[in-house]
N, C-alpha and C. Protein backbone atom coordinates (compact mmCIF):
# COMPACT_ATOMS: atom_id res chain seq x y z
N UNK A 1 45.78 -6.67 51.62
CA UNK A 1 45.04 -6.56 52.86
C UNK A 1 45.52 -5.31 53.60
N UNK A 2 44.60 -4.52 54.11
CA UNK A 2 44.99 -3.31 54.84
C UNK A 2 45.83 -3.65 56.07
N UNK A 3 46.82 -2.81 56.40
CA UNK A 3 47.69 -3.08 57.55
C UNK A 3 46.93 -3.21 58.87
N UNK A 4 45.86 -2.45 59.03
CA UNK A 4 45.08 -2.52 60.27
C UNK A 4 44.45 -3.90 60.44
N UNK A 5 43.96 -4.45 59.34
CA UNK A 5 43.36 -5.78 59.38
C UNK A 5 44.43 -6.84 59.65
N UNK A 6 45.60 -6.68 59.04
CA UNK A 6 46.69 -7.61 59.29
C UNK A 6 47.08 -7.60 60.77
N UNK A 7 47.09 -6.42 61.38
CA UNK A 7 47.43 -6.32 62.80
C UNK A 7 46.40 -7.04 63.68
N UNK A 8 45.15 -6.90 63.34
CA UNK A 8 44.08 -7.56 64.11
C UNK A 8 44.21 -9.08 63.98
N UNK A 9 44.44 -9.55 62.76
CA UNK A 9 44.59 -10.99 62.55
C UNK A 9 45.81 -11.52 63.30
N UNK A 10 46.91 -10.79 63.23
CA UNK A 10 48.13 -11.18 63.95
C UNK A 10 47.87 -11.25 65.46
N UNK A 11 47.17 -10.26 65.97
CA UNK A 11 46.86 -10.21 67.41
C UNK A 11 46.01 -11.41 67.81
N UNK A 12 45.00 -11.74 67.02
CA UNK A 12 44.13 -12.89 67.33
C UNK A 12 44.91 -14.19 67.28
N UNK A 13 45.77 -14.35 66.28
CA UNK A 13 46.55 -15.58 66.16
C UNK A 13 47.53 -15.73 67.32
N UNK A 14 48.20 -14.63 67.67
CA UNK A 14 49.14 -14.66 68.79
C UNK A 14 48.41 -14.96 70.08
N UNK A 15 47.24 -14.36 70.26
CA UNK A 15 46.46 -14.61 71.47
C UNK A 15 46.01 -16.05 71.56
N UNK A 16 45.60 -16.64 70.43
CA UNK A 16 45.18 -18.05 70.42
C UNK A 16 46.35 -18.93 70.85
N UNK A 17 47.54 -18.65 70.34
CA UNK A 17 48.72 -19.42 70.72
C UNK A 17 49.06 -19.20 72.20
N UNK A 18 48.92 -17.97 72.66
CA UNK A 18 49.19 -17.66 74.07
C UNK A 18 48.22 -18.41 74.98
N UNK A 19 46.94 -18.35 74.67
CA UNK A 19 45.94 -19.04 75.49
C UNK A 19 46.17 -20.55 75.50
N UNK A 20 46.55 -21.10 74.35
CA UNK A 20 46.83 -22.53 74.28
C UNK A 20 48.02 -22.89 75.16
N UNK A 21 49.08 -22.08 75.09
CA UNK A 21 50.26 -22.34 75.94
C UNK A 21 49.89 -22.23 77.42
N UNK A 22 49.06 -21.27 77.77
CA UNK A 22 48.65 -21.11 79.17
C UNK A 22 47.81 -22.30 79.62
N UNK A 23 46.89 -22.76 78.77
CA UNK A 23 46.06 -23.90 79.14
C UNK A 23 46.92 -25.15 79.35
N UNK A 24 48.00 -25.24 78.62
CA UNK A 24 48.90 -26.39 78.76
C UNK A 24 49.94 -26.16 79.87
N UNK A 25 49.84 -25.03 80.54
CA UNK A 25 50.76 -24.65 81.62
C UNK A 25 52.21 -24.55 81.12
N UNK A 26 52.36 -24.15 79.87
CA UNK A 26 53.68 -24.01 79.25
C UNK A 26 54.13 -22.56 79.41
N UNK A 27 54.69 -22.27 80.58
CA UNK A 27 55.06 -20.91 80.91
C UNK A 27 56.16 -20.37 80.00
N UNK A 28 57.14 -21.19 79.62
CA UNK A 28 58.23 -20.70 78.79
C UNK A 28 57.73 -20.29 77.40
N UNK A 29 56.82 -21.07 76.81
CA UNK A 29 56.25 -20.69 75.51
C UNK A 29 55.42 -19.42 75.64
N UNK A 30 54.63 -19.32 76.69
CA UNK A 30 53.81 -18.12 76.90
C UNK A 30 54.70 -16.88 77.04
N UNK A 31 55.77 -16.99 77.81
CA UNK A 31 56.68 -15.86 77.98
C UNK A 31 57.37 -15.50 76.66
N UNK A 32 57.71 -16.50 75.86
CA UNK A 32 58.34 -16.24 74.55
C UNK A 32 57.37 -15.53 73.61
N UNK A 33 56.10 -15.95 73.62
CA UNK A 33 55.09 -15.29 72.79
C UNK A 33 54.90 -13.83 73.21
N UNK A 34 54.89 -13.59 74.50
CA UNK A 34 54.75 -12.22 74.99
C UNK A 34 55.95 -11.37 74.59
N UNK A 35 57.15 -11.94 74.68
CA UNK A 35 58.36 -11.21 74.33
C UNK A 35 58.40 -10.90 72.83
N UNK A 36 57.87 -11.80 72.01
CA UNK A 36 57.91 -11.62 70.56
C UNK A 36 56.80 -10.71 70.04
N UNK A 37 55.77 -10.49 70.82
CA UNK A 37 54.65 -9.65 70.36
C UNK A 37 55.10 -8.21 70.22
N UNK A 38 54.66 -7.54 69.15
CA UNK A 38 55.04 -6.14 68.96
C UNK A 38 54.55 -5.27 70.12
N UNK A 39 55.33 -4.24 70.46
CA UNK A 39 54.90 -3.32 71.53
C UNK A 39 53.53 -2.73 71.19
N UNK A 40 52.73 -2.56 72.19
CA UNK A 40 51.40 -1.99 72.00
C UNK A 40 50.34 -3.02 71.64
N UNK A 41 50.75 -4.28 71.44
CA UNK A 41 49.79 -5.34 71.15
C UNK A 41 49.21 -5.79 72.47
N UNK A 42 48.04 -5.35 72.79
CA UNK A 42 47.43 -5.64 74.10
C UNK A 42 46.78 -7.01 74.08
N UNK A 43 47.61 -8.03 74.22
CA UNK A 43 47.12 -9.40 74.19
C UNK A 43 46.21 -9.71 75.37
N UNK A 44 46.33 -8.94 76.43
CA UNK A 44 45.50 -9.17 77.62
C UNK A 44 44.05 -8.82 77.39
N UNK A 45 43.75 -8.17 76.28
CA UNK A 45 42.38 -7.72 76.03
C UNK A 45 41.69 -8.55 74.95
N UNK A 46 42.19 -9.73 74.66
CA UNK A 46 41.55 -10.62 73.71
C UNK A 46 41.09 -11.84 74.49
N UNK A 47 39.79 -12.09 74.45
CA UNK A 47 39.16 -13.16 75.23
C UNK A 47 39.34 -14.52 74.57
N UNK A 48 39.55 -15.53 75.40
CA UNK A 48 39.62 -16.91 74.95
C UNK A 48 38.20 -17.41 74.71
N UNK A 49 37.95 -18.00 73.53
CA UNK A 49 36.59 -18.41 73.15
C UNK A 49 36.04 -19.51 74.05
N UNK A 50 36.84 -20.51 74.36
CA UNK A 50 36.33 -21.65 75.11
C UNK A 50 36.13 -21.37 76.59
N UNK A 51 37.10 -20.73 77.24
CA UNK A 51 37.00 -20.52 78.68
C UNK A 51 36.24 -19.25 79.02
N UNK A 52 36.20 -18.29 78.11
CA UNK A 52 35.57 -17.01 78.39
C UNK A 52 36.46 -16.08 79.20
N UNK A 53 37.70 -16.50 79.41
CA UNK A 53 38.63 -15.68 80.18
C UNK A 53 39.66 -15.02 79.28
N UNK A 54 40.29 -14.03 79.85
CA UNK A 54 41.42 -13.39 79.19
C UNK A 54 42.69 -14.14 79.59
N UNK A 55 43.81 -13.89 78.94
CA UNK A 55 45.04 -14.57 79.33
C UNK A 55 45.37 -14.45 80.82
N UNK A 56 45.02 -13.31 81.42
CA UNK A 56 45.28 -13.14 82.85
C UNK A 56 44.51 -14.16 83.68
N UNK A 57 43.29 -14.47 83.26
CA UNK A 57 42.48 -15.45 83.99
C UNK A 57 43.06 -16.85 83.88
N UNK A 58 43.49 -17.21 82.68
CA UNK A 58 44.05 -18.55 82.48
C UNK A 58 45.35 -18.69 83.27
N UNK A 59 46.19 -17.66 83.20
CA UNK A 59 47.46 -17.70 83.94
C UNK A 59 47.21 -17.75 85.46
N UNK A 60 46.26 -16.97 85.95
CA UNK A 60 45.94 -16.98 87.38
C UNK A 60 45.37 -18.32 87.81
N UNK A 61 44.52 -18.89 86.99
CA UNK A 61 43.90 -20.18 87.29
C UNK A 61 44.98 -21.25 87.47
N UNK A 62 46.00 -21.22 86.61
CA UNK A 62 47.05 -22.23 86.66
C UNK A 62 48.24 -21.81 87.53
N UNK A 63 48.17 -20.63 88.16
CA UNK A 63 49.24 -20.20 89.06
C UNK A 63 50.52 -19.80 88.36
N UNK A 64 50.43 -19.25 87.16
CA UNK A 64 51.59 -18.88 86.37
C UNK A 64 51.98 -17.42 86.66
N UNK A 65 52.64 -17.22 87.79
CA UNK A 65 52.99 -15.88 88.26
C UNK A 65 53.91 -15.12 87.33
N UNK A 66 54.87 -15.78 86.71
CA UNK A 66 55.79 -15.08 85.80
C UNK A 66 55.05 -14.52 84.59
N UNK A 67 54.09 -15.26 84.08
CA UNK A 67 53.30 -14.78 82.94
C UNK A 67 52.45 -13.59 83.37
N UNK A 68 51.83 -13.69 84.54
CA UNK A 68 51.01 -12.57 85.03
C UNK A 68 51.85 -11.31 85.18
N UNK A 69 53.05 -11.44 85.70
CA UNK A 69 53.92 -10.28 85.85
C UNK A 69 54.19 -9.63 84.49
N UNK A 70 54.46 -10.44 83.46
CA UNK A 70 54.72 -9.90 82.14
C UNK A 70 53.47 -9.26 81.53
N UNK A 71 52.32 -9.88 81.73
CA UNK A 71 51.08 -9.29 81.22
C UNK A 71 50.81 -7.93 81.86
N UNK A 72 51.01 -7.84 83.16
CA UNK A 72 50.81 -6.56 83.86
C UNK A 72 51.83 -5.53 83.36
N UNK A 73 53.08 -5.96 83.18
CA UNK A 73 54.11 -5.04 82.69
C UNK A 73 53.77 -4.53 81.28
N UNK A 74 53.23 -5.39 80.44
CA UNK A 74 52.90 -5.02 79.06
C UNK A 74 51.64 -4.16 78.97
N UNK A 75 50.60 -4.59 79.68
CA UNK A 75 49.27 -4.02 79.43
C UNK A 75 48.69 -3.22 80.59
N UNK A 76 49.40 -3.14 81.69
CA UNK A 76 48.95 -2.32 82.80
C UNK A 76 48.21 -3.10 83.87
N UNK A 77 48.21 -2.54 85.05
CA UNK A 77 47.63 -3.22 86.21
C UNK A 77 46.11 -3.32 86.12
N UNK A 78 45.49 -2.52 85.28
CA UNK A 78 44.03 -2.59 85.14
C UNK A 78 43.55 -3.94 84.65
N UNK A 79 44.43 -4.73 84.03
CA UNK A 79 44.01 -6.06 83.58
C UNK A 79 43.65 -6.97 84.75
N UNK A 80 44.10 -6.63 85.95
CA UNK A 80 43.75 -7.43 87.13
C UNK A 80 42.30 -7.21 87.55
N UNK A 81 41.64 -6.26 86.94
CA UNK A 81 40.23 -5.98 87.24
C UNK A 81 39.31 -6.56 86.18
N UNK A 82 39.87 -7.22 85.18
CA UNK A 82 39.06 -7.83 84.12
C UNK A 82 38.16 -8.90 84.72
N UNK A 83 37.00 -9.09 84.09
CA UNK A 83 36.08 -10.15 84.48
C UNK A 83 35.96 -11.14 83.33
N UNK A 84 36.01 -12.43 83.67
CA UNK A 84 35.82 -13.44 82.64
C UNK A 84 34.32 -13.64 82.42
N UNK A 85 33.96 -14.65 81.64
CA UNK A 85 32.55 -14.89 81.32
C UNK A 85 31.70 -15.18 82.55
N UNK A 86 32.33 -15.63 83.63
CA UNK A 86 31.60 -15.92 84.88
C UNK A 86 31.74 -14.79 85.89
N UNK A 87 32.27 -13.65 85.45
CA UNK A 87 32.43 -12.44 86.25
C UNK A 87 33.50 -12.60 87.34
N UNK A 88 34.43 -13.52 87.15
CA UNK A 88 35.54 -13.71 88.09
C UNK A 88 36.72 -12.85 87.63
N UNK A 89 37.49 -12.37 88.60
CA UNK A 89 38.72 -11.65 88.28
C UNK A 89 39.89 -12.62 88.37
N UNK A 90 41.05 -12.25 87.83
CA UNK A 90 42.22 -13.12 87.97
C UNK A 90 42.57 -13.38 89.44
N UNK A 91 42.40 -12.37 90.28
CA UNK A 91 42.68 -12.52 91.71
C UNK A 91 41.77 -13.59 92.31
N UNK A 92 40.49 -13.53 91.98
CA UNK A 92 39.52 -14.51 92.49
C UNK A 92 39.86 -15.92 92.04
N UNK A 93 40.20 -16.08 90.76
CA UNK A 93 40.54 -17.40 90.25
C UNK A 93 41.78 -17.97 90.93
N UNK A 94 42.80 -17.15 91.11
CA UNK A 94 44.02 -17.62 91.78
C UNK A 94 43.68 -18.10 93.19
N UNK A 95 42.85 -17.33 93.88
CA UNK A 95 42.46 -17.69 95.24
C UNK A 95 41.64 -18.99 95.24
N UNK A 96 40.68 -19.11 94.35
CA UNK A 96 39.82 -20.29 94.30
C UNK A 96 40.62 -21.56 93.99
N UNK A 97 41.70 -21.41 93.25
CA UNK A 97 42.51 -22.58 92.89
C UNK A 97 43.60 -22.89 93.91
N UNK A 98 43.62 -22.16 95.01
CA UNK A 98 44.57 -22.44 96.06
C UNK A 98 45.92 -21.77 95.90
N UNK A 99 46.03 -20.85 94.98
CA UNK A 99 47.27 -20.10 94.78
C UNK A 99 47.21 -18.87 95.70
N UNK A 100 47.23 -19.13 97.00
CA UNK A 100 47.00 -18.06 97.99
C UNK A 100 48.06 -16.97 97.93
N UNK A 101 49.33 -17.34 97.83
CA UNK A 101 50.41 -16.36 97.76
C UNK A 101 50.25 -15.49 96.51
N UNK A 102 50.00 -16.12 95.39
CA UNK A 102 49.82 -15.39 94.13
C UNK A 102 48.62 -14.45 94.22
N UNK A 103 47.49 -14.93 94.73
CA UNK A 103 46.30 -14.07 94.80
C UNK A 103 46.55 -12.88 95.74
N UNK A 104 47.27 -13.12 96.82
CA UNK A 104 47.56 -12.01 97.76
C UNK A 104 48.46 -10.97 97.08
N UNK A 105 49.46 -11.43 96.32
CA UNK A 105 50.35 -10.50 95.63
C UNK A 105 49.61 -9.72 94.54
N UNK A 106 48.74 -10.40 93.81
CA UNK A 106 47.95 -9.71 92.78
C UNK A 106 47.01 -8.69 93.40
N UNK A 107 46.35 -9.07 94.47
CA UNK A 107 45.43 -8.15 95.14
C UNK A 107 46.18 -6.93 95.68
N UNK A 108 47.34 -7.15 96.26
CA UNK A 108 48.13 -6.04 96.78
C UNK A 108 48.52 -5.09 95.65
N UNK A 109 48.95 -5.63 94.55
CA UNK A 109 49.31 -4.81 93.39
C UNK A 109 48.12 -4.02 92.89
N UNK A 110 46.97 -4.68 92.81
CA UNK A 110 45.75 -4.02 92.33
C UNK A 110 45.34 -2.89 93.27
N UNK A 111 45.36 -3.14 94.56
CA UNK A 111 44.96 -2.13 95.55
C UNK A 111 45.94 -0.96 95.54
N UNK A 112 47.24 -1.26 95.47
CA UNK A 112 48.23 -0.18 95.41
C UNK A 112 47.99 0.70 94.19
N UNK A 113 47.68 0.10 93.06
CA UNK A 113 47.42 0.87 91.85
C UNK A 113 46.17 1.73 92.00
N UNK A 114 45.14 1.17 92.61
CA UNK A 114 43.91 1.93 92.81
C UNK A 114 44.12 3.11 93.74
N UNK A 115 44.83 2.88 94.84
CA UNK A 115 45.02 3.94 95.82
C UNK A 115 46.01 4.99 95.35
N UNK A 116 46.94 4.61 94.45
CA UNK A 116 47.90 5.59 93.95
C UNK A 116 47.38 6.31 92.71
N UNK A 117 46.25 5.84 92.19
CA UNK A 117 45.69 6.47 90.99
C UNK A 117 46.39 6.05 89.72
N UNK A 118 47.15 4.94 89.77
CA UNK A 118 47.91 4.54 88.59
C UNK A 118 47.13 3.62 87.66
N UNK A 119 45.92 3.21 88.02
CA UNK A 119 45.13 2.39 87.11
C UNK A 119 44.85 3.22 85.87
N UNK A 120 45.06 2.62 84.72
CA UNK A 120 44.88 3.35 83.46
C UNK A 120 46.21 3.74 82.85
N UNK A 121 47.29 3.69 83.65
CA UNK A 121 48.63 3.94 83.11
C UNK A 121 49.34 2.61 83.01
N UNK A 122 50.25 2.52 82.10
CA UNK A 122 50.98 1.27 81.92
C UNK A 122 51.83 1.00 83.15
N UNK A 123 51.96 -0.28 83.50
CA UNK A 123 52.74 -0.68 84.67
C UNK A 123 54.21 -0.36 84.49
N UNK A 124 54.66 -0.22 83.26
CA UNK A 124 56.06 0.08 83.03
C UNK A 124 56.34 1.57 83.13
N UNK A 125 55.31 2.39 83.29
CA UNK A 125 55.45 3.82 83.45
C UNK A 125 56.10 4.09 84.81
N UNK A 126 57.31 4.70 84.86
CA UNK A 126 57.98 4.91 86.13
C UNK A 126 57.16 5.76 87.10
N UNK A 127 56.27 6.59 86.59
CA UNK A 127 55.47 7.42 87.48
C UNK A 127 54.26 6.70 88.05
N UNK A 128 54.06 5.43 87.67
CA UNK A 128 52.88 4.71 88.13
C UNK A 128 52.99 4.24 89.56
N UNK A 129 54.20 4.23 90.12
CA UNK A 129 54.35 3.78 91.50
C UNK A 129 54.36 2.26 91.61
N UNK A 130 54.40 1.56 90.50
CA UNK A 130 54.39 0.10 90.51
C UNK A 130 55.74 -0.38 90.02
N UNK A 131 56.39 -1.17 90.83
CA UNK A 131 57.71 -1.68 90.46
C UNK A 131 57.57 -2.99 89.71
N UNK A 132 58.28 -3.11 88.63
CA UNK A 132 58.31 -4.36 87.88
C UNK A 132 59.58 -5.13 88.17
N UNK A 133 60.41 -4.62 89.07
CA UNK A 133 61.66 -5.29 89.39
C UNK A 133 61.39 -6.56 90.19
N UNK A 134 62.27 -7.51 90.02
CA UNK A 134 62.16 -8.76 90.79
C UNK A 134 62.40 -8.44 92.26
N UNK A 135 61.78 -9.19 93.15
CA UNK A 135 61.96 -8.96 94.57
C UNK A 135 63.38 -9.32 94.99
N UNK A 136 63.81 -8.87 96.17
CA UNK A 136 65.14 -9.24 96.64
C UNK A 136 65.30 -10.76 96.61
N UNK A 137 66.43 -11.22 96.14
CA UNK A 137 66.67 -12.65 96.06
C UNK A 137 66.25 -13.24 94.72
N UNK A 138 65.77 -12.40 93.80
CA UNK A 138 65.39 -12.87 92.48
C UNK A 138 63.96 -13.34 92.43
N UNK A 139 63.58 -13.97 91.35
CA UNK A 139 62.22 -14.46 91.18
C UNK A 139 61.40 -13.52 90.34
N UNK A 140 60.15 -13.84 90.19
CA UNK A 140 59.28 -13.10 89.29
C UNK A 140 58.59 -11.93 89.95
N UNK A 141 58.52 -11.92 91.26
CA UNK A 141 57.71 -10.93 91.93
C UNK A 141 56.34 -11.47 92.24
N UNK A 142 55.93 -12.54 91.58
CA UNK A 142 54.68 -13.23 91.86
C UNK A 142 55.03 -14.67 92.17
N UNK A 143 54.25 -15.27 93.00
CA UNK A 143 54.46 -16.67 93.33
C UNK A 143 53.81 -17.56 92.28
N UNK A 144 54.42 -18.67 92.00
CA UNK A 144 53.83 -19.65 91.08
C UNK A 144 53.45 -20.92 91.82
N UNK A 145 53.15 -20.81 93.10
CA UNK A 145 52.80 -21.99 93.89
C UNK A 145 51.50 -22.58 93.42
N UNK A 146 51.44 -23.87 93.35
CA UNK A 146 50.25 -24.60 92.94
C UNK A 146 49.53 -25.09 94.19
N UNK A 147 48.25 -25.51 94.05
CA UNK A 147 47.51 -25.99 95.21
C UNK A 147 48.24 -27.09 95.96
N UNK A 148 49.00 -27.92 95.27
CA UNK A 148 49.72 -29.00 95.94
C UNK A 148 50.79 -28.46 96.87
N UNK A 149 51.22 -27.19 96.65
CA UNK A 149 52.21 -26.57 97.52
C UNK A 149 51.57 -26.02 98.78
N UNK A 150 50.27 -25.95 98.81
CA UNK A 150 49.55 -25.37 99.94
C UNK A 150 49.29 -26.44 100.99
N UNK A 151 48.97 -25.98 102.20
CA UNK A 151 48.60 -26.96 103.22
C UNK A 151 47.21 -27.49 102.93
N UNK A 152 46.84 -28.56 103.57
CA UNK A 152 45.58 -29.24 103.26
C UNK A 152 44.36 -28.43 103.66
N UNK A 153 44.54 -27.31 104.37
CA UNK A 153 43.38 -26.51 104.76
C UNK A 153 42.89 -25.61 103.64
N UNK A 154 43.62 -25.55 102.50
CA UNK A 154 43.18 -24.71 101.38
C UNK A 154 41.85 -25.21 100.86
N UNK A 155 40.95 -24.28 100.61
CA UNK A 155 39.64 -24.65 100.08
C UNK A 155 39.62 -24.34 98.60
N UNK A 156 39.82 -25.37 97.78
CA UNK A 156 39.79 -25.17 96.34
C UNK A 156 38.47 -25.58 95.74
N UNK A 157 37.56 -26.08 96.54
CA UNK A 157 36.27 -26.52 96.02
C UNK A 157 35.40 -25.35 95.61
N UNK A 158 35.72 -24.15 96.07
CA UNK A 158 34.88 -22.99 95.77
C UNK A 158 34.88 -22.63 94.29
N UNK A 159 35.81 -23.18 93.53
CA UNK A 159 35.92 -22.81 92.12
C UNK A 159 34.71 -23.29 91.31
N UNK A 160 34.06 -24.34 91.73
CA UNK A 160 32.86 -24.82 91.07
C UNK A 160 33.07 -25.08 89.59
N UNK A 161 32.12 -24.64 88.75
CA UNK A 161 32.18 -24.94 87.33
C UNK A 161 33.34 -24.28 86.60
N UNK A 162 33.91 -23.24 87.17
CA UNK A 162 35.03 -22.57 86.51
C UNK A 162 36.18 -23.54 86.35
N UNK A 163 36.42 -24.39 87.34
CA UNK A 163 37.48 -25.38 87.27
C UNK A 163 37.33 -26.21 86.01
N UNK A 164 36.14 -26.68 85.75
CA UNK A 164 35.88 -27.52 84.60
C UNK A 164 36.15 -26.77 83.31
N UNK A 165 35.68 -25.54 83.20
CA UNK A 165 35.83 -24.78 81.97
C UNK A 165 37.30 -24.53 81.66
N UNK A 166 38.08 -24.09 82.63
CA UNK A 166 39.48 -23.79 82.35
C UNK A 166 40.29 -25.06 82.12
N UNK A 167 40.00 -26.13 82.83
CA UNK A 167 40.77 -27.36 82.67
C UNK A 167 40.40 -28.10 81.40
N UNK A 168 39.19 -27.95 80.88
CA UNK A 168 38.78 -28.64 79.67
C UNK A 168 39.37 -28.04 78.42
N UNK A 169 39.80 -26.82 78.47
CA UNK A 169 40.30 -26.14 77.29
C UNK A 169 41.66 -26.71 76.91
N UNK A 170 41.67 -27.60 75.96
CA UNK A 170 42.93 -28.16 75.51
C UNK A 170 43.45 -27.43 74.28
N UNK A 171 42.55 -26.81 73.55
CA UNK A 171 42.95 -26.04 72.38
C UNK A 171 42.16 -24.74 72.38
N UNK A 172 42.75 -23.70 72.98
CA UNK A 172 42.07 -22.42 73.12
C UNK A 172 42.11 -21.66 71.81
N UNK A 173 41.01 -20.98 71.52
CA UNK A 173 40.95 -20.14 70.34
C UNK A 173 40.44 -18.78 70.74
N UNK A 174 40.91 -17.76 70.08
CA UNK A 174 40.47 -16.41 70.36
C UNK A 174 39.13 -16.16 69.70
N UNK A 175 38.27 -15.46 70.40
CA UNK A 175 36.97 -15.12 69.82
C UNK A 175 37.00 -13.74 69.19
N UNK A 176 38.14 -13.13 69.18
CA UNK A 176 38.23 -11.81 68.61
C UNK A 176 38.58 -10.80 69.67
N UNK A 177 38.28 -9.59 69.40
CA UNK A 177 38.61 -8.53 70.33
C UNK A 177 37.68 -8.61 71.52
N UNK A 178 38.24 -8.39 72.70
CA UNK A 178 37.47 -8.44 73.93
C UNK A 178 36.78 -7.14 74.23
N UNK A 179 36.45 -6.94 75.50
CA UNK A 179 35.74 -5.74 75.93
C UNK A 179 36.66 -4.54 76.04
N UNK A 180 37.97 -4.80 76.09
CA UNK A 180 38.91 -3.74 76.45
C UNK A 180 39.51 -3.04 75.25
N UNK A 181 40.44 -2.16 75.55
CA UNK A 181 41.09 -1.38 74.51
C UNK A 181 42.02 -2.23 73.67
N UNK A 182 42.36 -1.75 72.52
CA UNK A 182 43.33 -2.36 71.87
C UNK A 182 43.72 -2.89 70.69
């Protein structure tokens, strides 16, 4: 089998495992899969077949801030502008699910990248103006607060059918290469 084809198959299999771990809210497995993936494997650009979202969407939906930080570090801040099958961004999904702190941090990162002109460069590029360091006091740099951590005034009903699609995915499979590079 040609090496290029082997790489594509490996990427799809790793992405399927990543999406499954994210759907199960298994952050430690998702982080381990990301750490084990070869450099340059843009897992953020492979769409999940069942939900229609990329890994960033699934992680944002479930409030998995540590995974989102690693995805941005690996594949660049432009992944925060991806649209899932329902045209939602990861920022929108985080907000709809009541992860207000996480959505605010993602939006700030996205806006900073747009205004600094760093979209299109890897987040780990020191010249990008985006810090991947943990905030003072430790932590991931993104919040992993769930809707239950929010006050009762949070409006999570706006998610509509997206809630059903992401929560129903118990066994995510990759549909192949997504719209993006990679």
